[in-house]
Amino acid sequence: MKFSFSTLGCPQHSFDQIIDLVRQVGYTGVEIRIYKNTEDLRTLGEFKLENLDAVRRKFQSAGIEITCVSSSARFAYPGPGESERADAVGRGLYEDRRCA
């Protein structure tokens, strides 16, 4: 059985630290949900379209699968303005083909 974990539990870790942690616990994958203390990954340079291949290669060369890239967009019971923000995150990721 293969296991992966979420960066939700290590929001300040660098990619190198995440890779080390995956290896230490004997897992084979990671879900990237928070990085550099932000849930909106599309605001970070590492997640710009032109940098995604380098990130993918970094994990692949370590033998680690990125099992999922998640967001914290909420569509149920949103507060004022949250629905618009969640919609913008979802549309931005789709339009940039980051989730393709």
PDB file of N, CA and C in Angstrom:
ATOM      1  N   MET A   1       0.840  -1.172   0.000  1.00  0.00           N
ATOM      2  CA  MET A   1       0.000   0.000   0.000  1.00  0.00           C
ATOM      3  C   MET A   1       0.891   1.244   0.000  1.00  0.00           C
ATOM      4  N   LYS A   2       0.509   2.227  -0.774  1.00  0.00           N
ATOM      5  CA  LYS A   2       1.257   3.477  -0.840  1.00  0.00           C
ATOM      6  C   LYS A   2       0.613   4.513   0.073  1.00  0.00           C
ATOM      7  N   PHE A   3       1.460   5.344   0.681  1.00  0.00           N
ATOM      8  CA  PHE A   3       0.971   6.395   1.559  1.00  0.00           C
ATOM      9  C   PHE A   3       1.546   7.736   1.147  1.00  0.00           C
ATOM     10  N   SER A   4       0.757   8.770   1.368  1.00  0.00           N
ATOM     11  CA  SER A   4       1.237  10.135   1.185  1.00  0.00           C
ATOM     12  C   SER A   4       0.678  10.976   2.321  1.00  0.00           C
ATOM     13  N   PHE A   5       1.218  12.176   2.476  1.00  0.00           N
ATOM     14  CA  PHE A   5       0.710  13.077   3.502  1.00  0.00           C
ATOM     15  C   PHE A   5       0.532  14.459   2.913  1.00  0.00           C
ATOM     16  N   SER A   6      -0.103  15.323   3.673  1.00  0.00           N
ATOM     17  CA  SER A   6      -0.409  16.673   3.223  1.00  0.00           C
ATOM     18  C   SER A   6       0.554  17.678   3.846  1.00  0.00           C
ATOM     19  N   THR A   7       0.887  18.699   3.080  1.00  0.00           N
ATOM     20  CA  THR A   7       1.729  19.772   3.619  1.00  0.00           C
ATOM     21  C   THR A   7       0.946  20.670   4.571  1.00  0.00           C
ATOM     22  N   LEU A   8      -0.317  20.361   4.748  1.00  0.00           N
ATOM     23  CA  LEU A   8      -1.124  21.083   5.730  1.00  0.00           C
ATOM     24  C   LEU A   8      -0.464  21.027   7.111  1.00  0.00           C
ATOM     25  N   GLY A   9       0.230  19.921   7.391  1.00  0.00           N
ATOM     26  CA  GLY A   9       0.899  19.752   8.682  1.00  0.00           C
ATOM     27  C   GLY A   9       2.298  20.332   8.752  1.00  0.00           C
ATOM     28  N   CYS A  10       2.823  20.823   7.637  1.00  0.00           N
ATOM     29  CA  CYS A  10       4.179  21.403   7.634  1.00  0.00           C
ATOM     30  C   CYS A  10       4.199  22.614   6.700  1.00  0.00           C
ATOM     31  N   PRO A  11       3.418  23.639   7.029  1.00  0.00           N
ATOM     32  CA  PRO A  11       3.215  24.761   6.109  1.00  0.00           C
ATOM     33  C   PRO A  11       4.453  25.603   5.828  1.00  0.00           C
ATOM     34  N   GLN A  12       5.473  25.503   6.667  1.00  0.00           N
ATOM     35  CA  GLN A  12       6.669  26.319   6.467  1.00  0.00           C
ATOM     36  C   GLN A  12       7.812  25.555   5.812  1.00  0.00           C
ATOM     37  N   HIS A  13       7.634  24.273   5.573  1.00  0.00           N
ATOM     38  CA  HIS A  13       8.712  23.460   5.003  1.00  0.00           C
ATOM     39  C   HIS A  13       9.006  23.852   3.554  1.00  0.00           C
ATOM     40  N   SER A  14      10.290  23.802   3.201  1.00  0.00           N
ATOM     41  CA  SER A  14      10.702  23.975   1.811  1.00  0.00           C
ATOM     42  C   SER A  14      10.462  22.658   1.078  1.00  0.00           C
ATOM     43  N   PHE A  15      10.590  22.668  -0.225  1.00  0.00           N
ATOM     44  CA  PHE A  15      10.448  21.426  -0.975  1.00  0.00           C
ATOM     45  C   PHE A  15      11.485  20.401  -0.519  1.00  0.00           C
ATOM     46  N   ASP A  16      12.715  20.835  -0.266  1.00  0.00           N
ATOM     47  CA  ASP A  16      13.742  19.902   0.193  1.00  0.00           C
ATOM     48  C   ASP A  16      13.370  19.287   1.538  1.00  0.00           C
ATOM     49  N   GLN A  17      12.821  20.081   2.441  1.00  0.00           N
ATOM     50  CA  GLN A  17      12.402  19.558   3.739  1.00  0.00           C
ATOM     51  C   GLN A  17      11.228  18.592   3.591  1.00  0.00           C
ATOM     52  N   ILE A  18      10.318  18.905   2.682  1.00  0.00           N
ATOM     53  CA  ILE A  18       9.184  18.012   2.439  1.00  0.00           C
ATOM     54  C   ILE A  18       9.678  16.678   1.901  1.00  0.00           C
ATOM     55  N   ILE A  19      10.595  16.721   0.948  1.00  0.00           N
ATOM     56  CA  ILE A  19      11.165  15.497   0.381  1.00  0.00           C
ATOM     57  C   ILE A  19      11.856  14.684   1.465  1.00  0.00           C
ATOM     58  N   ASP A  20      12.637  15.335   2.313  1.00  0.00           N
ATOM     59  CA  ASP A  20      13.299  14.634   3.415  1.00  0.00           C
ATOM     60  C   ASP A  20      12.291  13.985   4.354  1.00  0.00           C
ATOM     61  N   LEU A  21      11.228  14.698   4.659  1.00  0.00           N
ATOM     62  CA  LEU A  21      10.201  14.170   5.557  1.00  0.00           C
ATOM     63  C   LEU A  21       9.503  12.961   4.945  1.00  0.00           C
ATOM     64  N   VAL A  22       9.170  13.037   3.662  1.00  0.00           N
ATOM     65  CA  VAL A  22       8.537  11.908   2.981  1.00  0.00           C
ATOM     66  C   VAL A  22       9.436  10.682   3.080  1.00  0.00           C
ATOM     67  N   ARG A  23      10.707  10.869   2.852  1.00  0.00           N
ATOM     68  CA  ARG A  23      11.656   9.754   2.925  1.00  0.00           C
ATOM     69  C   ARG A  23      11.769   9.206   4.342  1.00  0.00           C
ATOM     70  N   GLN A  24      11.828  10.099   5.329  1.00  0.00           N
ATOM     71  CA  GLN A  24      11.968   9.678   6.733  1.00  0.00           C
ATOM     72  C   GLN A  24      10.814   8.798   7.192  1.00  0.00           C
ATOM     73  N   VAL A  25       9.611   9.147   6.795  1.00  0.00           N
ATOM     74  CA  VAL A  25       8.448   8.386   7.256  1.00  0.00           C
ATOM     75  C   VAL A  25       8.128   7.202   6.347  1.00  0.00           C
ATOM     76  N   GLY A  26       8.854   7.087   5.245  1.00  0.00           N
ATOM     77  CA  GLY A  26       8.673   5.947   4.361  1.00  0.00           C
ATOM     78  C   GLY A  26       7.471   6.041   3.446  1.00  0.00           C
ATOM     79  N   TYR A  27       6.966   7.241   3.218  1.00  0.00           N
ATOM     80  CA  TYR A  27       5.833   7.432   2.319  1.00  0.00           C
ATOM     81  C   TYR A  27       6.344   7.555   0.890  1.00  0.00           C
ATOM     82  N   THR A  28       5.432   7.546  -0.052  1.00  0.00           N
ATOM     83  CA  THR A  28       5.820   7.623  -1.462  1.00  0.00           C
ATOM     84  C   THR A  28       5.265   8.861  -2.153  1.00  0.00           C
ATOM     85  N   GLY A  29       4.434   9.636  -1.451  1.00  0.00           N
ATOM     86  CA  GLY A  29       3.837  10.794  -2.095  1.00  0.00           C
ATOM     87  C   GLY A  29       3.477  11.894  -1.127  1.00  0.00           C
ATOM     88  N   VAL A  30       3.085  13.018  -1.719  1.00  0.00           N
ATOM     89  CA  VAL A  30       2.713  14.189  -0.925  1.00  0.00           C
ATOM     90  C   VAL A  30       1.591  14.954  -1.622  1.00  0.00           C
ATOM     91  N   GLU A  31       0.659  15.439  -0.818  1.00  0.00           N
ATOM     92  CA  GLU A  31      -0.371  16.350  -1.297  1.00  0.00           C
ATOM     93  C   GLU A  31       0.114  17.751  -0.951  1.00  0.00           C
ATOM     94  N   ILE A  32       0.232  18.615  -1.934  1.00  0.00           N
ATOM     95  CA  ILE A  32       0.652  19.990  -1.667  1.00  0.00           C
ATOM     96  C   ILE A  32      -0.599  20.835  -1.498  1.00  0.00           C
ATOM     97  N   ARG A  33      -0.785  21.307  -0.289  1.00  0.00           N
ATOM     98  CA  ARG A  33      -1.961  22.121   0.006  1.00  0.00           C
ATOM     99  C   ARG A  33      -1.580  23.499   0.521  1.00  0.00           C
ATOM    100  N   ILE A  34      -0.553  23.555   1.354  1.00  0.00           N
ATOM    101  CA  ILE A  34      -0.033  24.831   1.858  1.00  0.00           C
ATOM    102  C   ILE A  34       1.472  24.830   1.619  1.00  0.00           C
ATOM    103  N   TYR A  35       1.987  25.953   1.172  1.00  0.00           N
ATOM    104  CA  TYR A  35       3.427  26.088   0.969  1.00  0.00           C
ATOM    105  C   TYR A  35       3.782  27.540   1.271  1.00  0.00           C
ATOM    106  N   LYS A  36       4.866  27.724   1.985  1.00  0.00           N
ATOM    107  CA  LYS A  36       5.282  29.068   2.400  1.00  0.00           C
ATOM    108  C   LYS A  36       4.144  29.800   3.115  1.00  0.00           C
ATOM    109  N   ASN A  37       3.449  29.041   3.948  1.00  0.00           N
ATOM    110  CA  ASN A  37       2.368  29.568   4.793  1.00  0.00           C
ATOM    111  C   ASN A  37       1.190  30.151   4.028  1.00  0.00           C
ATOM    112  N   THR A  38       0.993  29.751   2.791  1.00  0.00           N
ATOM    113  CA  THR A  38      -0.186  30.242   2.072  1.00  0.00           C
ATOM    114  C   THR A  38      -0.961  29.080   1.469  1.00  0.00           C
ATOM    115  N   GLU A  39      -2.264  29.220   1.460  1.00  0.00           N
ATOM    116  CA  GLU A  39      -3.139  28.242   0.820  1.00  0.00           C
ATOM    117  C   GLU A  39      -3.353  28.580  -0.654  1.00  0.00           C
ATOM    118  N   ASP A  40      -3.080  29.807  -1.030  1.00  0.00           N
ATOM    119  CA  ASP A  40      -3.275  30.241  -2.412  1.00  0.00           C
ATOM    120  C   ASP A  40      -1.966  30.055  -3.171  1.00  0.00           C
ATOM    121  N   LEU A  41      -1.706  28.837  -3.571  1.00  0.00           N
ATOM    122  CA  LEU A  41      -0.434  28.469  -4.192  1.00  0.00           C
ATOM    123  C   LEU A  41      -0.155  29.244  -5.473  1.00  0.00           C
ATOM    124  N   ARG A  42      -1.196  29.663  -6.157  1.00  0.00           N
ATOM    125  CA  ARG A  42      -1.000  30.359  -7.436  1.00  0.00           C
ATOM    126  C   ARG A  42      -0.311  31.703  -7.264  1.00  0.00           C
ATOM    127  N   THR A  43      -0.183  32.193  -6.024  1.00  0.00           N
ATOM    128  CA  THR A  43       0.500  33.463  -5.783  1.00  0.00           C
ATOM    129  C   THR A  43       2.011  33.287  -5.634  1.00  0.00           C
ATOM    130  N   LEU A  44       2.476  32.048  -5.577  1.00  0.00           N
ATOM    131  CA  LEU A  44       3.891  31.763  -5.354  1.00  0.00           C
ATOM    132  C   LEU A  44       4.623  31.491  -6.664  1.00  0.00           C
ATOM    133  N   GLY A  45       5.847  31.946  -6.737  1.00  0.00           N
ATOM    134  CA  GLY A  45       6.657  31.759  -7.941  1.00  0.00           C
ATOM    135  C   GLY A  45       6.814  30.314  -8.349  1.00  0.00           C
ATOM    136  N   GLU A  46       6.937  29.422  -7.381  1.00  0.00           N
ATOM    137  CA  GLU A  46       7.123  28.006  -7.676  1.00  0.00           C
ATOM    138  C   GLU A  46       5.938  27.409  -8.430  1.00  0.00           C
ATOM    139  N   PHE A  47       4.771  28.037  -8.296  1.00  0.00           N
ATOM    140  CA  PHE A  47       3.566  27.505  -8.909  1.00  0.00           C
ATOM    141  C   PHE A  47       3.121  28.294 -10.136  1.00  0.00           C
ATOM    142  N   LYS A  48       3.979  29.184 -10.594  1.00  0.00           N
ATOM    143  CA  LYS A  48       3.712  29.852 -11.866  1.00  0.00           C
ATOM    144  C   LYS A  48       3.867  28.805 -12.968  1.00  0.00           C
ATOM    145  N   LEU A  49       3.100  28.951 -14.004  1.00  0.00           N
ATOM    146  CA  LEU A  49       3.060  27.952 -15.063  1.00  0.00           C
ATOM    147  C   LEU A  49       4.451  27.589 -15.579  1.00  0.00           C
ATOM    148  N   GLU A  50       5.315  28.578 -15.726  1.00  0.00           N
ATOM    149  CA  GLU A  50       6.646  28.324 -16.278  1.00  0.00           C
ATOM    150  C   GLU A  50       7.575  27.579 -15.322  1.00  0.00           C
ATOM    151  N   ASN A  51       7.195  27.445 -14.047  1.00  0.00           N
ATOM    152  CA  ASN A  51       8.051  26.775 -13.063  1.00  0.00           C
ATOM    153  C   ASN A  51       7.545  25.401 -12.648  1.00  0.00           C
ATOM    154  N   LEU A  52       6.363  25.028 -13.102  1.00  0.00           N
ATOM    155  CA  LEU A  52       5.764  23.771 -12.648  1.00  0.00           C
ATOM    156  C   LEU A  52       6.570  22.542 -13.043  1.00  0.00           C
ATOM    157  N   ASP A  53       7.148  22.541 -14.229  1.00  0.00           N
ATOM    158  CA  ASP A  53       7.944  21.382 -14.648  1.00  0.00           C
ATOM    159  C   ASP A  53       9.153  21.186 -13.739  1.00  0.00           C
ATOM    160  N   ALA A  54       9.786  22.261 -13.319  1.00  0.00           N
ATOM    161  CA  ALA A  54      10.949  22.151 -12.427  1.00  0.00           C
ATOM    162  C   ALA A  54      10.538  21.561 -11.076  1.00  0.00           C
ATOM    163  N   VAL A  55       9.396  21.975 -10.567  1.00  0.00           N
ATOM    164  CA  VAL A  55       8.898  21.426  -9.299  1.00  0.00           C
ATOM    165  C   VAL A  55       8.598  19.941  -9.476  1.00  0.00           C
ATOM    166  N   ARG A  56       7.913  19.612 -10.547  1.00  0.00           N
ATOM    167  CA  ARG A  56       7.579  18.211 -10.825  1.00  0.00           C
ATOM    168  C   ARG A  56       8.846  17.363 -10.918  1.00  0.00           C
ATOM    169  N   ARG A  57       9.852  17.843 -11.630  1.00  0.00           N
ATOM    170  CA  ARG A  57      11.108  17.096 -11.788  1.00  0.00           C
ATOM    171  C   ARG A  57      11.827  16.921 -10.452  1.00  0.00           C
ATOM    172  N   LYS A  58      11.771  17.923  -9.597  1.00  0.00           N
ATOM    173  CA  LYS A  58      12.431  17.846  -8.289  1.00  0.00           C
ATOM    174  C   LYS A  58      11.875  16.666  -7.479  1.00  0.00           C
ATOM    175  N   PHE A  59      10.563  16.552  -7.474  1.00  0.00           N
ATOM    176  CA  PHE A  59       9.941  15.451  -6.734  1.00  0.00           C
ATOM    177  C   PHE A  59      10.151  14.119  -7.443  1.00  0.00           C
ATOM    178  N   GLN A  60      10.041  14.101  -8.762  1.00  0.00           N
ATOM    179  CA  GLN A  60      10.241  12.867  -9.514  1.00  0.00           C
ATOM    180  C   GLN A  60      11.654  12.329  -9.333  1.00  0.00           C
ATOM    181  N   SER A  61      12.640  13.213  -9.351  1.00  0.00           N
ATOM    182  CA  SER A  61      14.026  12.755  -9.198  1.00  0.00           C
ATOM    183  C   SER A  61      14.283  12.193  -7.804  1.00  0.00           C
ATOM    184  N   ALA A  62      13.448  12.587  -6.848  1.00  0.00           N
ATOM    185  CA  ALA A  62      13.555  12.045  -5.490  1.00  0.00           C
ATOM    186  C   ALA A  62      12.710  10.785  -5.333  1.00  0.00           C
ATOM    187  N   GLY A  63      11.989  10.394  -6.400  1.00  0.00           N
ATOM    188  CA  GLY A  63      11.152   9.206  -6.341  1.00  0.00           C
ATOM    189  C   GLY A  63       9.862   9.421  -5.566  1.00  0.00           C
ATOM    190  N   ILE A  64       9.420  10.666  -5.504  1.00  0.00           N
ATOM    191  CA  ILE A  64       8.228  11.014  -4.734  1.00  0.00           C
ATOM    192  C   ILE A  64       7.159  11.546  -5.686  1.00  0.00           C
ATOM    193  N   GLU A  65       5.961  11.028  -5.520  1.00  0.00           N
ATOM    194  CA  GLU A  65       4.847  11.434  -6.356  1.00  0.00           C
ATOM    195  C   GLU A  65       4.086  12.589  -5.702  1.00  0.00           C
ATOM    196  N   ILE A  66       3.770  13.599  -6.486  1.00  0.00           N
ATOM    197  CA  ILE A  66       2.851  14.631  -6.017  1.00  0.00           C
ATOM    198  C   ILE A  66       1.472  14.067  -6.310  1.00  0.00           C
ATOM    199  N   THR A  67       0.817  13.581  -5.265  1.00  0.00           N
ATOM    200  CA  THR A  67      -0.449  12.878  -5.443  1.00  0.00           C
ATOM    201  C   THR A  67      -1.618  13.816  -5.679  1.00  0.00           C
ATOM    202  N   CYS A  68      -1.469  15.063  -5.215  1.00  0.00           N
ATOM    203  CA  CYS A  68      -2.566  16.008  -5.338  1.00  0.00           C
ATOM    204  C   CYS A  68      -2.046  17.410  -5.039  1.00  0.00           C
ATOM    205  N   VAL A  69      -2.561  18.373  -5.739  1.00  0.00           N
ATOM    206  CA  VAL A  69      -2.347  19.775  -5.401  1.00  0.00           C
ATOM    207  C   VAL A  69      -3.719  20.314  -5.064  1.00  0.00           C
ATOM    208  N   SER A  70      -3.884  20.715  -3.820  1.00  0.00           N
ATOM    209  CA  SER A  70      -5.212  21.084  -3.328  1.00  0.00           C
ATOM    210  C   SER A  70      -5.304  22.561  -3.021  1.00  0.00           C
ATOM    211  N   SER A  71      -6.513  23.010  -2.899  1.00  0.00           N
ATOM    212  CA  SER A  71      -6.757  24.367  -2.445  1.00  0.00           C
ATOM    213  C   SER A  71      -7.669  24.301  -1.236  1.00  0.00           C
ATOM    214  N   SER A  72      -7.803  25.389  -0.582  1.00  0.00           N
ATOM    215  CA  SER A  72      -8.707  25.457   0.558  1.00  0.00           C
ATOM    216  C   SER A  72      -9.930  26.285   0.207  1.00  0.00           C
ATOM    217  N   ALA A  73     -10.251  26.331  -1.068  1.00  0.00           N
ATOM    218  CA  ALA A  73     -11.436  27.068  -1.505  1.00  0.00           C
ATOM    219  C   ALA A  73     -12.676  26.399  -0.918  1.00  0.00           C
ATOM    220  N   ARG A  74     -13.524  27.196  -0.339  1.00  0.00           N
ATOM    221  CA  ARG A  74     -14.750  26.685   0.267  1.00  0.00           C
ATOM    222  C   ARG A  74     -15.947  27.206  -0.518  1.00  0.00           C
ATOM    223  N   PHE A  75     -16.846  26.313  -0.852  1.00  0.00           N
ATOM    224  CA  PHE A  75     -18.021  26.705  -1.604  1.00  0.00           C
ATOM    225  C   PHE A  75     -19.307  26.521  -0.802  1.00  0.00           C
ATOM    226  N   ALA A  76     -19.220  25.829   0.307  1.00  0.00           N
ATOM    227  CA  ALA A  76     -20.392  25.623   1.148  1.00  0.00           C
ATOM    228  C   ALA A  76     -20.310  26.554   2.357  1.00  0.00           C
ATOM    229  N   TYR A  77     -21.391  27.239   2.622  1.00  0.00           N
ATOM    230  CA  TYR A  77     -21.501  28.147   3.768  1.00  0.00           C
ATOM    231  C   TYR A  77     -20.416  29.214   3.781  1.00  0.00           C
ATOM    232  N   PRO A  78     -20.161  29.858   2.650  1.00  0.00           N
ATOM    233  CA  PRO A  78     -19.116  30.895   2.640  1.00  0.00           C
ATOM    234  C   PRO A  78     -19.565  32.151   3.371  1.00  0.00           C
ATOM    235  N   GLY A  79     -18.602  32.840   3.927  1.00  0.00           N
ATOM    236  CA  GLY A  79     -18.859  34.135   4.540  1.00  0.00           C
ATOM    237  C   GLY A  79     -18.841  35.217   3.471  1.00  0.00           C
ATOM    238  N   PRO A  80     -19.017  36.459   3.871  1.00  0.00           N
ATOM    239  CA  PRO A  80     -19.016  37.566   2.903  1.00  0.00           C
ATOM    240  C   PRO A  80     -17.720  37.593   2.082  1.00  0.00           C
ATOM    241  N   GLY A  81     -17.858  37.567   0.772  1.00  0.00           N
ATOM    242  CA  GLY A  81     -16.702  37.647  -0.121  1.00  0.00           C
ATOM    243  C   GLY A  81     -15.983  36.332  -0.348  1.00  0.00           C
ATOM    244  N   GLU A  82     -16.225  35.314   0.484  1.00  0.00           N
ATOM    245  CA  GLU A  82     -15.502  34.046   0.346  1.00  0.00           C
ATOM    246  C   GLU A  82     -15.888  33.296  -0.917  1.00  0.00           C
ATOM    247  N   SER A  83     -17.147  33.377  -1.288  1.00  0.00           N
ATOM    248  CA  SER A  83     -17.596  32.682  -2.483  1.00  0.00           C
ATOM    249  C   SER A  83     -16.884  33.225  -3.718  1.00  0.00           C
ATOM    250  N   GLU A  84     -16.755  34.537  -3.805  1.00  0.00           N
ATOM    251  CA  GLU A  84     -16.069  35.157  -4.941  1.00  0.00           C
ATOM    252  C   GLU A  84     -14.592  34.779  -4.950  1.00  0.00           C
ATOM    253  N   ARG A  85     -13.958  34.771  -3.763  1.00  0.00           N
ATOM    254  CA  ARG A  85     -12.541  34.414  -3.667  1.00  0.00           C
ATOM    255  C   ARG A  85     -12.332  32.955  -4.068  1.00  0.00           C
ATOM    256  N   ALA A  86     -13.187  32.062  -3.588  1.00  0.00           N
ATOM    257  CA  ALA A  86     -13.071  30.645  -3.922  1.00  0.00           C
ATOM    258  C   ALA A  86     -13.264  30.438  -5.422  1.00  0.00           C
ATOM    259  N   ASP A  87     -14.214  31.126  -5.983  1.00  0.00           N
ATOM    260  CA  ASP A  87     -14.461  31.028  -7.411  1.00  0.00           C
ATOM    261  C   ASP A  87     -13.253  31.514  -8.211  1.00  0.00           C
ATOM    262  N   ALA A  88     -12.642  32.607  -7.770  1.00  0.00           N
ATOM    263  CA  ALA A  88     -11.456  33.151  -8.456  1.00  0.00           C
ATOM    264  C   ALA A  88     -10.294  32.175  -8.391  1.00  0.00           C
ATOM    265  N   VAL A  89     -10.093  31.525  -7.243  1.00  0.00           N
ATOM    266  CA  VAL A  89      -9.014  30.536  -7.110  1.00  0.00           C
ATOM    267  C   VAL A  89      -9.265  29.380  -8.067  1.00  0.00           C
ATOM    268  N   GLY A  90     -10.473  28.844  -8.042  1.00  0.00           N
ATOM    269  CA  GLY A  90     -10.798  27.722  -8.919  1.00  0.00           C
ATOM    270  C   GLY A  90     -10.666  28.064 -10.386  1.00  0.00           C
ATOM    271  N   ARG A  91     -11.187  29.204 -10.771  1.00  0.00           N
ATOM    272  CA  ARG A  91     -11.100  29.619 -12.174  1.00  0.00           C
ATOM    273  C   ARG A  91      -9.664  29.907 -12.573  1.00  0.00           C
ATOM    274  N   GLY A  92      -8.895  30.519 -11.683  1.00  0.00           N
ATOM    275  CA  GLY A  92      -7.502  30.842 -11.983  1.00  0.00           C
ATOM    276  C   GLY A  92      -6.680  29.602 -12.219  1.00  0.00           C
ATOM    277  N   LEU A  93      -6.858  28.595 -11.399  1.00  0.00           N
ATOM    278  CA  LEU A  93      -6.110  27.359 -11.581  1.00  0.00           C
ATOM    279  C   LEU A  93      -6.503  26.665 -12.871  1.00  0.00           C
ATOM    280  N   TYR A  94      -7.796  26.668 -13.179  1.00  0.00           N
ATOM    281  CA  TYR A  94      -8.255  26.024 -14.403  1.00  0.00           C
ATOM    282  C   TYR A  94      -7.773  26.778 -15.633  1.00  0.00           C
ATOM    283  N   GLU A  95      -7.934  28.081 -15.623  1.00  0.00           N
ATOM    284  CA  GLU A  95      -7.564  28.880 -16.783  1.00  0.00           C
ATOM    285  C   GLU A  95      -6.068  28.856 -17.055  1.00  0.00           C
ATOM    286  N   ASP A  96      -5.272  28.749 -15.980  1.00  0.00           N
ATOM    287  CA  ASP A  96      -3.826  28.656 -16.147  1.00  0.00           C
ATOM    288  C   ASP A  96      -3.372  27.237 -16.491  1.00  0.00           C
ATOM    289  N   ARG A  97      -4.341  26.318 -16.527  1.00  0.00           N
ATOM    290  CA  ARG A  97      -4.073  24.902 -16.809  1.00  0.00           C
ATOM    291  C   ARG A  97      -3.166  24.261 -15.763  1.00  0.00           C
ATOM    292  N   ARG A  98      -3.206  24.771 -14.555  1.00  0.00           N
ATOM    293  CA  ARG A  98      -2.394  24.196 -13.488  1.00  0.00           C
ATOM    294  C   ARG A  98      -2.990  22.900 -12.965  1.00  0.00           C
ATOM    295  N   CYS A  99      -4.260  22.717 -13.201  1.00  0.00           N
ATOM    296  CA  CYS A  99      -4.874  21.483 -12.721  1.00  0.00           C
ATOM    297  C   CYS A  99      -5.140  20.517 -13.869  1.00  0.00           C
ATOM    298  N   ALA A 100      -4.625  20.827 -15.044  1.00  0.00           N
ATOM    299  CA  ALA A 100      -4.860  19.970 -16.208  1.00  0.00           C
ATOM    300  C   ALA A 100      -3.920  18.782 -16.205  1.00  0.00           C
TER     301      ALA A 100
END
